[in-house]
């Protein structure tokens, strides 16, 4: 675990190298599709978490009304 903290977060040049590797492996045309998929996944996760939060609040409100 200490090894992870010792390495730290990548800096500016590291991000550039990582970006170049991604472009080489996936190609420039495929990258927008990948990020579009990430965006959809994040949106679905947020929607699901909002729905769960609403259900919990609804149950909490109905539970306090019964008393």
PDB file of N, CA and C in Angstrom:
ATOM      1  N   UNK A   1       0.821  -1.190   0.000  1.00  0.00           N
ATOM      2  CA  UNK A   1       0.000   0.000   0.000  1.00  0.00           C
ATOM      3  C   UNK A   1       0.864   1.253   0.000  1.00  0.00           C
ATOM      4  N   UNK A   2       2.010   1.196   0.706  1.00  0.00           N
ATOM      5  CA  UNK A   2       2.901   2.346   0.748  1.00  0.00           C
ATOM      6  C   UNK A   2       3.512   2.631  -0.612  1.00  0.00           C
ATOM      7  N   UNK A   3       3.642   1.601  -1.436  1.00  0.00           N
ATOM      8  CA  UNK A   3       4.212   1.794  -2.770  1.00  0.00           C
ATOM      9  C   UNK A   3       3.318   2.712  -3.593  1.00  0.00           C
ATOM     10  N   UNK A   4       2.018   2.544  -3.479  1.00  0.00           N
ATOM     11  CA  UNK A   4       1.074   3.378  -4.233  1.00  0.00           C
ATOM     12  C   UNK A   4       1.222   4.836  -3.818  1.00  0.00           C
ATOM     13  N   UNK A   5       1.313   5.076  -2.517  1.00  0.00           N
ATOM     14  CA  UNK A   5       1.444   6.454  -2.045  1.00  0.00           C
ATOM     15  C   UNK A   5       2.812   7.027  -2.399  1.00  0.00           C
ATOM     16  N   UNK A   6       3.821   6.190  -2.480  1.00  0.00           N
ATOM     17  CA  UNK A   6       5.156   6.637  -2.836  1.00  0.00           C
ATOM     18  C   UNK A   6       5.245   7.087  -4.289  1.00  0.00           C
ATOM     19  N   UNK A   7       4.455   6.467  -5.144  1.00  0.00           N
ATOM     20  CA  UNK A   7       4.485   6.837  -6.563  1.00  0.00           C
ATOM     21  C   UNK A   7       3.777   8.159  -6.808  1.00  0.00           C
ATOM     22  N   UNK A   8       2.691   8.398  -6.145  1.00  0.00           N
ATOM     23  CA  UNK A   8       1.954   9.649  -6.314  1.00  0.00           C
ATOM     24  C   UNK A   8       1.134   9.664  -7.593  1.00  0.00           C
ATOM     25  N   UNK A   9       0.504  10.793  -7.822  1.00  0.00           N
ATOM     26  CA  UNK A   9      -0.302  10.975  -9.028  1.00  0.00           C
ATOM     27  C   UNK A   9       0.595  11.383 -10.189  1.00  0.00           C
ATOM     28  N   UNK A  10       0.210  10.970 -11.394  1.00  0.00           N
ATOM     29  CA  UNK A  10       1.011  11.367 -12.559  1.00  0.00           C
ATOM     30  C   UNK A  10       0.978  12.879 -12.779  1.00  0.00           C
ATOM     31  N   UNK A  11       2.119  13.413 -13.190  1.00  0.00           N
ATOM     32  CA  UNK A  11       2.221  14.842 -13.468  1.00  0.00           C
ATOM     33  C   UNK A  11       1.897  15.133 -14.921  1.00  0.00           C
ATOM     34  N   UNK A  12       2.284  16.309 -15.382  1.00  0.00           N
ATOM     35  CA  UNK A  12       1.956  16.750 -16.735  1.00  0.00           C
ATOM     36  C   UNK A  12       2.515  15.859 -17.831  1.00  0.00           C
ATOM     37  N   UNK A  13       3.820  15.563 -17.770  1.00  0.00           N
ATOM     38  CA  UNK A  13       4.426  14.737 -18.819  1.00  0.00           C
ATOM     39  C   UNK A  13       3.893  13.318 -18.805  1.00  0.00           C
ATOM     40  N   UNK A  14       3.611  12.800 -17.630  1.00  0.00           N
ATOM     41  CA  UNK A  14       3.070  11.443 -17.547  1.00  0.00           C
ATOM     42  C   UNK A  14       1.711  11.352 -18.214  1.00  0.00           C
ATOM     43  N   UNK A  15       0.870  12.386 -18.022  1.00  0.00           N
ATOM     44  CA  UNK A  15      -0.454  12.386 -18.659  1.00  0.00           C
ATOM     45  C   UNK A  15      -0.328  12.469 -20.170  1.00  0.00           C
ATOM     46  N   UNK A  16       0.639  13.232 -20.651  1.00  0.00           N
ATOM     47  CA  UNK A  16       0.852  13.324 -22.094  1.00  0.00           C
ATOM     48  C   UNK A  16       1.270  11.971 -22.664  1.00  0.00           C
ATOM     49  N   UNK A  17       2.173  11.286 -21.974  1.00  0.00           N
ATOM     50  CA  UNK A  17       2.614   9.965 -22.428  1.00  0.00           C
ATOM     51  C   UNK A  17       1.462   8.973 -22.384  1.00  0.00           C
ATOM     52  N   UNK A  18       0.674   9.004 -21.330  1.00  0.00           N
ATOM     53  CA  UNK A  18      -0.496   8.114 -21.229  1.00  0.00           C
ATOM     54  C   UNK A  18      -1.463   8.402 -22.369  1.00  0.00           C
ATOM     55  N   UNK A  19      -1.707   9.691 -22.657  1.00  0.00           N
ATOM     56  CA  UNK A  19      -2.589  10.051 -23.777  1.00  0.00           C
ATOM     57  C   UNK A  19      -2.074   9.547 -25.107  1.00  0.00           C
ATOM     58  N   UNK A  20      -0.777   9.657 -25.343  1.00  0.00           N
ATOM     59  CA  UNK A  20      -0.198   9.158 -26.591  1.00  0.00           C
ATOM     60  C   UNK A  20      -0.335   7.642 -26.716  1.00  0.00           C
ATOM     61  N   UNK A  21      -0.135   6.938 -25.606  1.00  0.00           N
ATOM     62  CA  UNK A  21      -0.290   5.484 -25.626  1.00  0.00           C
ATOM     63  C   UNK A  21      -1.727   5.101 -25.946  1.00  0.00           C
ATOM     64  N   UNK A  22      -2.687   5.825 -25.364  1.00  0.00           N
ATOM     65  CA  UNK A  22      -4.107   5.554 -25.642  1.00  0.00           C
ATOM     66  C   UNK A  22      -4.409   5.790 -27.119  1.00  0.00           C
ATOM     67  N   UNK A  23      -3.880   6.879 -27.685  1.00  0.00           N
ATOM     68  CA  UNK A  23      -4.113   7.165 -29.104  1.00  0.00           C
ATOM     69  C   UNK A  23      -3.497   6.078 -29.962  1.00  0.00           C
ATOM     70  N   UNK A  24      -2.318   5.608 -29.608  1.00  0.00           N
ATOM     71  CA  UNK A  24      -1.665   4.559 -30.396  1.00  0.00           C
ATOM     72  C   UNK A  24      -2.461   3.267 -30.347  1.00  0.00           C
ATOM     73  N   UNK A  25      -2.936   2.880 -29.153  1.00  0.00           N
ATOM     74  CA  UNK A  25      -3.650   1.615 -29.018  1.00  0.00           C
ATOM     75  C   UNK A  25      -5.055   1.658 -29.618  1.00  0.00           C
ATOM     76  N   UNK A  26      -5.781   2.732 -29.390  1.00  0.00           N
ATOM     77  CA  UNK A  26      -7.180   2.778 -29.786  1.00  0.00           C
ATOM     78  C   UNK A  26      -7.414   3.555 -31.075  1.00  0.00           C
ATOM     79  N   UNK A  27      -6.527   4.435 -31.439  1.00  0.00           N
ATOM     80  CA  UNK A  27      -6.735   5.257 -32.623  1.00  0.00           C
ATOM     81  C   UNK A  27      -7.569   6.479 -32.283  1.00  0.00           C
ATOM     82  N   UNK A  28      -7.340   7.538 -33.022  1.00  0.00           N
ATOM     83  CA  UNK A  28      -8.014   8.806 -32.736  1.00  0.00           C
ATOM     84  C   UNK A  28      -9.517   8.725 -32.970  1.00  0.00           C
ATOM     85  N   UNK A  29      -9.960   7.882 -33.869  1.00  0.00           N
ATOM     86  CA  UNK A  29     -11.396   7.790 -34.170  1.00  0.00           C
ATOM     87  C   UNK A  29     -12.170   7.058 -33.084  1.00  0.00           C
ATOM     88  N   UNK A  30     -11.520   6.186 -32.361  1.00  0.00           N
ATOM     89  CA  UNK A  30     -12.206   5.372 -31.354  1.00  0.00           C
ATOM     90  C   UNK A  30     -12.332   6.086 -30.005  1.00  0.00           C
ATOM     91  N   UNK A  31     -11.487   7.058 -29.736  1.00  0.00           N
ATOM     92  CA  UNK A  31     -11.469   7.729 -28.427  1.00  0.00           C
ATOM     93  C   UNK A  31     -12.799   8.417 -28.097  1.00  0.00           C
ATOM     94  N   UNK A  32     -13.428   9.175 -29.027  1.00  0.00           N
ATOM     95  CA  UNK A  32     -14.726   9.778 -28.674  1.00  0.00           C
ATOM     96  C   UNK A  32     -15.795   8.750 -28.309  1.00  0.00           C
ATOM     97  N   UNK A  33     -15.762   7.595 -28.963  1.00  0.00           N
ATOM     98  CA  UNK A  33     -16.732   6.546 -28.633  1.00  0.00           C
ATOM     99  C   UNK A  33     -16.492   6.013 -27.225  1.00  0.00           C
ATOM    100  N   UNK A  34     -15.230   5.890 -26.849  1.00  0.00           N
ATOM    101  CA  UNK A  34     -14.895   5.396 -25.511  1.00  0.00           C
ATOM    102  C   UNK A  34     -15.410   6.371 -24.450  1.00  0.00           C
ATOM    103  N   UNK A  35     -15.135   7.666 -24.648  1.00  0.00           N
ATOM    104  CA  UNK A  35     -15.585   8.660 -23.671  1.00  0.00           C
ATOM    105  C   UNK A  35     -17.103   8.805 -23.662  1.00  0.00           C
ATOM    106  N   UNK A  36     -17.738   8.591 -24.796  1.00  0.00           N
ATOM    107  CA  UNK A  36     -19.197   8.612 -24.847  1.00  0.00           C
ATOM    108  C   UNK A  36     -19.764   7.478 -23.984  1.00  0.00           C
ATOM    109  N   UNK A  37     -19.138   6.310 -24.063  1.00  0.00           N
ATOM    110  CA  UNK A  37     -19.553   5.189 -23.225  1.00  0.00           C
ATOM    111  C   UNK A  37     -19.341   5.474 -21.746  1.00  0.00           C
ATOM    112  N   UNK A  38     -18.199   6.096 -21.404  1.00  0.00           N
ATOM    113  CA  UNK A  38     -17.953   6.481 -20.013  1.00  0.00           C
ATOM    114  C   UNK A  38     -19.020   7.460 -19.537  1.00  0.00           C
ATOM    115  N   UNK A  39     -19.363   8.424 -20.382  1.00  0.00           N
ATOM    116  CA  UNK A  39     -20.374   9.418 -20.018  1.00  0.00           C
ATOM    117  C   UNK A  39     -21.726   8.788 -19.756  1.00  0.00           C
ATOM    118  N   UNK A  40     -22.108   7.843 -20.607  1.00  0.00           N
ATOM    119  CA  UNK A  40     -23.386   7.150 -20.408  1.00  0.00           C
ATOM    120  C   UNK A  40     -23.381   6.354 -19.111  1.00  0.00           C
ATOM    121  N   UNK A  41     -22.269   5.698 -18.831  1.00  0.00           N
ATOM    122  CA  UNK A  41     -22.171   4.917 -17.600  1.00  0.00           C
ATOM    123  C   UNK A  41     -22.261   5.795 -16.370  1.00  0.00           C
ATOM    124  N   UNK A  42     -21.578   6.928 -16.400  1.00  0.00           N
ATOM    125  CA  UNK A  42     -21.631   7.855 -15.265  1.00  0.00           C
ATOM    126  C   UNK A  42     -23.028   8.410 -15.088  1.00  0.00           C
ATOM    127  N   UNK A  43     -23.699   8.747 -16.195  1.00  0.00           N
ATOM    128  CA  UNK A  43     -25.060   9.273 -16.127  1.00  0.00           C
ATOM    129  C   UNK A  43     -26.008   8.233 -15.536  1.00  0.00           C
ATOM    130  N   UNK A  44     -25.892   6.978 -15.970  1.00  0.00           N
ATOM    131  CA  UNK A  44     -26.754   5.926 -15.438  1.00  0.00           C
ATOM    132  C   UNK A  44     -26.509   5.712 -13.944  1.00  0.00           C
ATOM    133  N   UNK A  45     -25.241   5.783 -13.537  1.00  0.00           N
ATOM    134  CA  UNK A  45     -24.912   5.628 -12.122  1.00  0.00           C
ATOM    135  C   UNK A  45     -25.524   6.747 -11.290  1.00  0.00           C
ATOM    136  N   UNK A  46     -25.428   7.983 -11.785  1.00  0.00           N
ATOM    137  CA  UNK A  46     -26.013   9.117 -11.064  1.00  0.00           C
ATOM    138  C   UNK A  46     -27.528   8.986 -10.974  1.00  0.00           C
ATOM    139  N   UNK A  47     -28.172   8.587 -12.067  1.00  0.00           N
ATOM    140  CA  UNK A  47     -29.623   8.412 -12.055  1.00  0.00           C
ATOM    141  C   UNK A  47     -30.034   7.338 -11.053  1.00  0.00           C
ATOM    142  N   UNK A  48     -29.299   6.232 -11.041  1.00  0.00           N
ATOM    143  CA  UNK A  48     -29.627   5.153 -10.110  1.00  0.00           C
ATOM    144  C   UNK A  48     -29.424   5.594  -8.670  1.00  0.00           C
ATOM    145  N   UNK A  49     -28.362   6.345  -8.406  1.00  0.00           N
ATOM    146  CA  UNK A  49     -28.125   6.794  -7.027  1.00  0.00           C
ATOM    147  C   UNK A  49     -29.186   7.794  -6.588  1.00  0.00           C
ATOM    148  N   UNK A  50     -29.630   8.658  -7.508  1.00  0.00           N
ATOM    149  CA  UNK A  50     -30.723   9.588  -7.162  1.00  0.00           C
ATOM    150  C   UNK A  50     -32.005   8.829  -6.852  1.00  0.00           C
ATOM    151  N   UNK A  51     -32.291   7.801  -7.641  1.00  0.00           N
ATOM    152  CA  UNK A  51     -33.505   7.024  -7.435  1.00  0.00           C
ATOM    153  C   UNK A  51     -33.461   6.303  -6.092  1.00  0.00           C
ATOM    154  N   UNK A  52     -32.331   5.743  -5.763  1.00  0.00           N
ATOM    155  CA  UNK A  52     -32.190   5.052  -4.476  1.00  0.00           C
ATOM    156  C   UNK A  52     -32.342   6.042  -3.333  1.00  0.00           C
ATOM    157  N   UNK A  53     -31.748   7.229  -3.483  1.00  0.00           N
ATOM    158  CA  UNK A  53     -31.855   8.253  -2.438  1.00  0.00           C
ATOM    159  C   UNK A  53     -33.311   8.666  -2.243  1.00  0.00           C
ATOM    160  N   UNK A  54     -34.063   8.823  -3.340  1.00  0.00           N
ATOM    161  CA  UNK A  54     -35.473   9.186  -3.237  1.00  0.00           C
ATOM    162  C   UNK A  54     -36.266   8.092  -2.536  1.00  0.00           C
ATOM    163  N   UNK A  55     -35.965   6.823  -2.860  1.00  0.00           N
ATOM    164  CA  UNK A  55     -36.673   5.714  -2.214  1.00  0.00           C
ATOM    165  C   UNK A  55     -36.380   5.683  -0.714  1.00  0.00           C
ATOM    166  N   UNK A  56     -35.135   5.925  -0.346  1.00  0.00           N
ATOM    167  CA  UNK A  56     -34.784   5.927   1.072  1.00  0.00           C
ATOM    168  C   UNK A  56     -35.503   7.059   1.792  1.00  0.00           C
ATOM    169  N   UNK A  57     -35.522   8.255   1.183  1.00  0.00           N
ATOM    170  CA  UNK A  57     -36.215   9.380   1.797  1.00  0.00           C
ATOM    171  C   UNK A  57     -37.716   9.111   1.889  1.00  0.00           C
ATOM    172  N   UNK A  58     -38.277   8.471   0.866  1.00  0.00           N
ATOM    173  CA  UNK A  58     -39.709   8.151   0.875  1.00  0.00           C
ATOM    174  C   UNK A  58     -40.027   7.178   2.008  1.00  0.00           C
ATOM    175  N   UNK A  59     -39.198   6.151   2.165  1.00  0.00           N
ATOM    176  CA  UNK A  59     -39.403   5.187   3.235  1.00  0.00           C
ATOM    177  C   UNK A  59     -39.215   5.842   4.602  1.00  0.00           C
ATOM    178  N   UNK A  60     -38.259   6.738   4.682  1.00  0.00           N
ATOM    179  CA  UNK A  60     -38.012   7.436   5.939  1.00  0.00           C
ATOM    180  C   UNK A  60     -39.210   8.311   6.306  1.00  0.00           C
ATOM    181  N   UNK A  61     -39.759   9.008   5.317  1.00  0.00           N
ATOM    182  CA  UNK A  61     -40.915   9.854   5.571  1.00  0.00           C
ATOM    183  C   UNK A  61     -42.149   9.034   5.930  1.00  0.00           C
ATOM    184  N   UNK A  62     -42.376   7.926   5.248  1.00  0.00           N
ATOM    185  CA  UNK A  62     -43.553   7.114   5.540  1.00  0.00           C
ATOM    186  C   UNK A  62     -43.389   6.413   6.889  1.00  0.00           C
ATOM    187  N   UNK A  63     -42.165   6.090   7.264  1.00  0.00           N
ATOM    188  CA  UNK A  63     -41.926   5.456   8.568  1.00  0.00           C
ATOM    189  C   UNK A  63     -42.181   6.405   9.719  1.00  0.00           C
ATOM    190  N   UNK A  64     -41.836   7.683   9.528  1.00  0.00           N
ATOM    191  CA  UNK A  64     -42.055   8.651  10.610  1.00  0.00           C
ATOM    192  C   UNK A  64     -43.514   9.041  10.715  1.00  0.00           C
ATOM    193  N   UNK A  65     -44.297   8.918   9.642  1.00  0.00           N
ATOM    194  CA  UNK A  65     -45.713   9.249   9.670  1.00  0.00           C
ATOM    195  C   UNK A  65     -46.511   8.178  10.404  1.00  0.00           C
ATOM    196  N   UNK A  66     -46.027   6.922  10.415  1.00  0.00           N
ATOM    197  CA  UNK A  66     -46.746   5.829  11.066  1.00  0.00           C
ATOM    198  C   UNK A  66     -46.717   5.963  12.573  1.00  0.00           C
ATOM    199  N   UNK A  67     -45.710   6.620  13.126  1.00  0.00           N
ATOM    200  CA  UNK A  67     -45.585   6.716  14.581  1.00  0.00           C
ATOM    201  C   UNK A  67     -46.491   7.707  15.162  1.00  0.00           C
TER     202      UNK A  67
END
